[in-house]
Amino acid sequence: MIDLAAAKLHCRVDHDDDDVSIAAMIAAASDHLASIGVDMEADPVPPAVDHAVLMLVGHFYENREAVTDARTAAVEIGVDRLIQPYREMHL
């Protein structure tokens, strides 16, 4: 599980002003991955899944609004590839 310090390091944040927001982003990223079948309760969480959380938090931190001109395909593809082996299969 990603903690606040790891997320701030990943986002290159060296102040405490955004701690509440970043903590919410960690929760949202973890919740999103759990909602698509990734076991976020695994012990330990696989490093690829932790990195997917960090990538999502970085994306959320840089793009705080629902609408943006930025292209996000690289983030989506990277996260998808990281988590694919850890998703539950639904038939």
Protein backbone atom coordinates (compact mmCIF):
# COMPACT_ATOMS: atom_id res chain seq x y z
CA MET A 1 0.00 0.00 0.00
CA ILE A 2 1.28 3.41 -0.96
CA ASP A 3 1.64 5.90 1.87
CA LEU A 4 1.60 9.69 1.76
CA ALA A 5 5.40 10.02 1.84
CA ALA A 6 5.84 7.72 -1.17
CA ALA A 7 3.15 9.55 -3.14
CA LYS A 8 4.66 12.96 -2.35
CA LEU A 9 8.09 11.73 -3.43
CA HIS A 10 6.64 10.38 -6.67
CA CYS A 11 4.83 13.68 -7.35
CA ARG A 12 7.91 15.68 -6.33
CA VAL A 13 5.96 17.54 -3.65
CA ASP A 14 8.12 18.92 -0.84
CA HIS A 15 5.48 20.84 1.12
CA ASP A 16 2.53 19.83 3.27
CA ASP A 17 -0.12 22.07 1.67
CA ASP A 18 -1.55 19.27 -0.49
CA ASP A 19 -1.34 16.38 2.00
CA VAL A 20 -5.11 16.00 2.40
CA SER A 21 -5.62 16.07 -1.38
CA ILE A 22 -2.81 13.59 -2.05
CA ALA A 23 -4.14 11.22 0.62
CA ALA A 24 -7.56 11.38 -1.08
CA MET A 25 -5.89 10.67 -4.44
CA ILE A 26 -4.19 7.57 -2.98
CA ALA A 27 -7.57 6.36 -1.72
CA ALA A 28 -9.24 7.10 -5.07
CA ALA A 29 -6.51 5.30 -7.04
CA SER A 30 -6.67 2.27 -4.74
CA ASP A 31 -10.46 2.23 -4.86
CA HIS A 32 -10.43 2.45 -8.66
CA LEU A 33 -8.06 -0.49 -8.99
CA ALA A 34 -10.12 -2.53 -6.52
CA SER A 35 -13.28 -1.73 -8.52
CA ILE A 36 -11.78 -3.28 -11.67
CA GLY A 37 -10.77 -6.49 -9.93
CA VAL A 38 -7.27 -5.81 -8.59
CA ASP A 39 -6.73 -7.34 -5.14
CA MET A 40 -5.66 -4.31 -3.12
CA GLU A 41 -5.76 -6.37 0.08
CA ALA A 42 -2.93 -8.69 -1.00
CA ASP A 43 -0.06 -8.95 1.45
CA PRO A 44 2.23 -7.80 0.08
CA VAL A 45 0.72 -5.74 -2.72
CA PRO A 46 2.79 -6.52 -5.85
CA PRO A 47 5.27 -3.77 -6.81
CA ALA A 48 3.57 -3.32 -10.20
CA VAL A 49 0.26 -2.58 -8.47
CA ASP A 50 1.94 -0.10 -6.10
CA HIS A 51 3.49 1.62 -9.10
CA ALA A 52 0.10 1.76 -10.84
CA VAL A 53 -1.27 3.55 -7.76
CA LEU A 54 1.65 6.01 -7.92
CA MET A 55 1.05 6.61 -11.63
CA LEU A 56 -2.62 7.30 -11.01
CA VAL A 57 -1.86 9.61 -8.08
CA GLY A 58 0.65 11.51 -10.25
CA HIS A 59 -1.95 11.83 -12.99
CA PHE A 60 -4.63 12.98 -10.52
CA TYR A 61 -2.21 15.49 -8.97
CA GLU A 62 -1.26 17.02 -12.33
CA ASN A 63 -4.82 16.93 -13.75
CA ARG A 64 -7.15 17.96 -10.97
CA GLU A 65 -10.12 18.74 -13.16
CA ALA A 66 -12.39 16.37 -15.08
CA VAL A 67 -11.67 18.14 -18.38
CA THR A 68 -8.20 18.80 -19.72
CA ASP A 69 -6.41 19.36 -23.00
CA ALA A 70 -3.66 16.94 -21.93
CA ARG A 71 -3.39 13.55 -23.59
CA THR A 72 -3.58 10.71 -21.08
CA ALA A 73 -3.19 7.61 -23.24
CA ALA A 74 0.33 6.87 -21.98
CA VAL A 75 -0.81 6.82 -18.34
CA GLU A 76 -3.82 4.65 -19.11
CA ILE A 77 -1.78 2.14 -21.12
CA GLY A 78 0.97 2.03 -18.49
CA VAL A 79 -1.47 1.41 -15.65
CA ASP A 80 -3.39 -1.20 -17.65
CA ARG A 81 -0.23 -3.14 -18.43
CA LEU A 82 1.00 -3.00 -14.83
CA ILE A 83 -2.22 -4.32 -13.33
CA GLN A 84 -3.31 -6.83 -16.00
CA PRO A 85 -1.68 -9.88 -14.33
CA TYR A 86 -3.37 -8.99 -11.03
CA ARG A 87 -6.95 -8.52 -12.23
CA GLU A 88 -9.58 -11.12 -11.51
CA MET A 89 -11.02 -12.77 -14.59
CA HIS A 90 -14.82 -12.58 -14.93
CA LEU A 91 -16.36 -15.01 -17.39
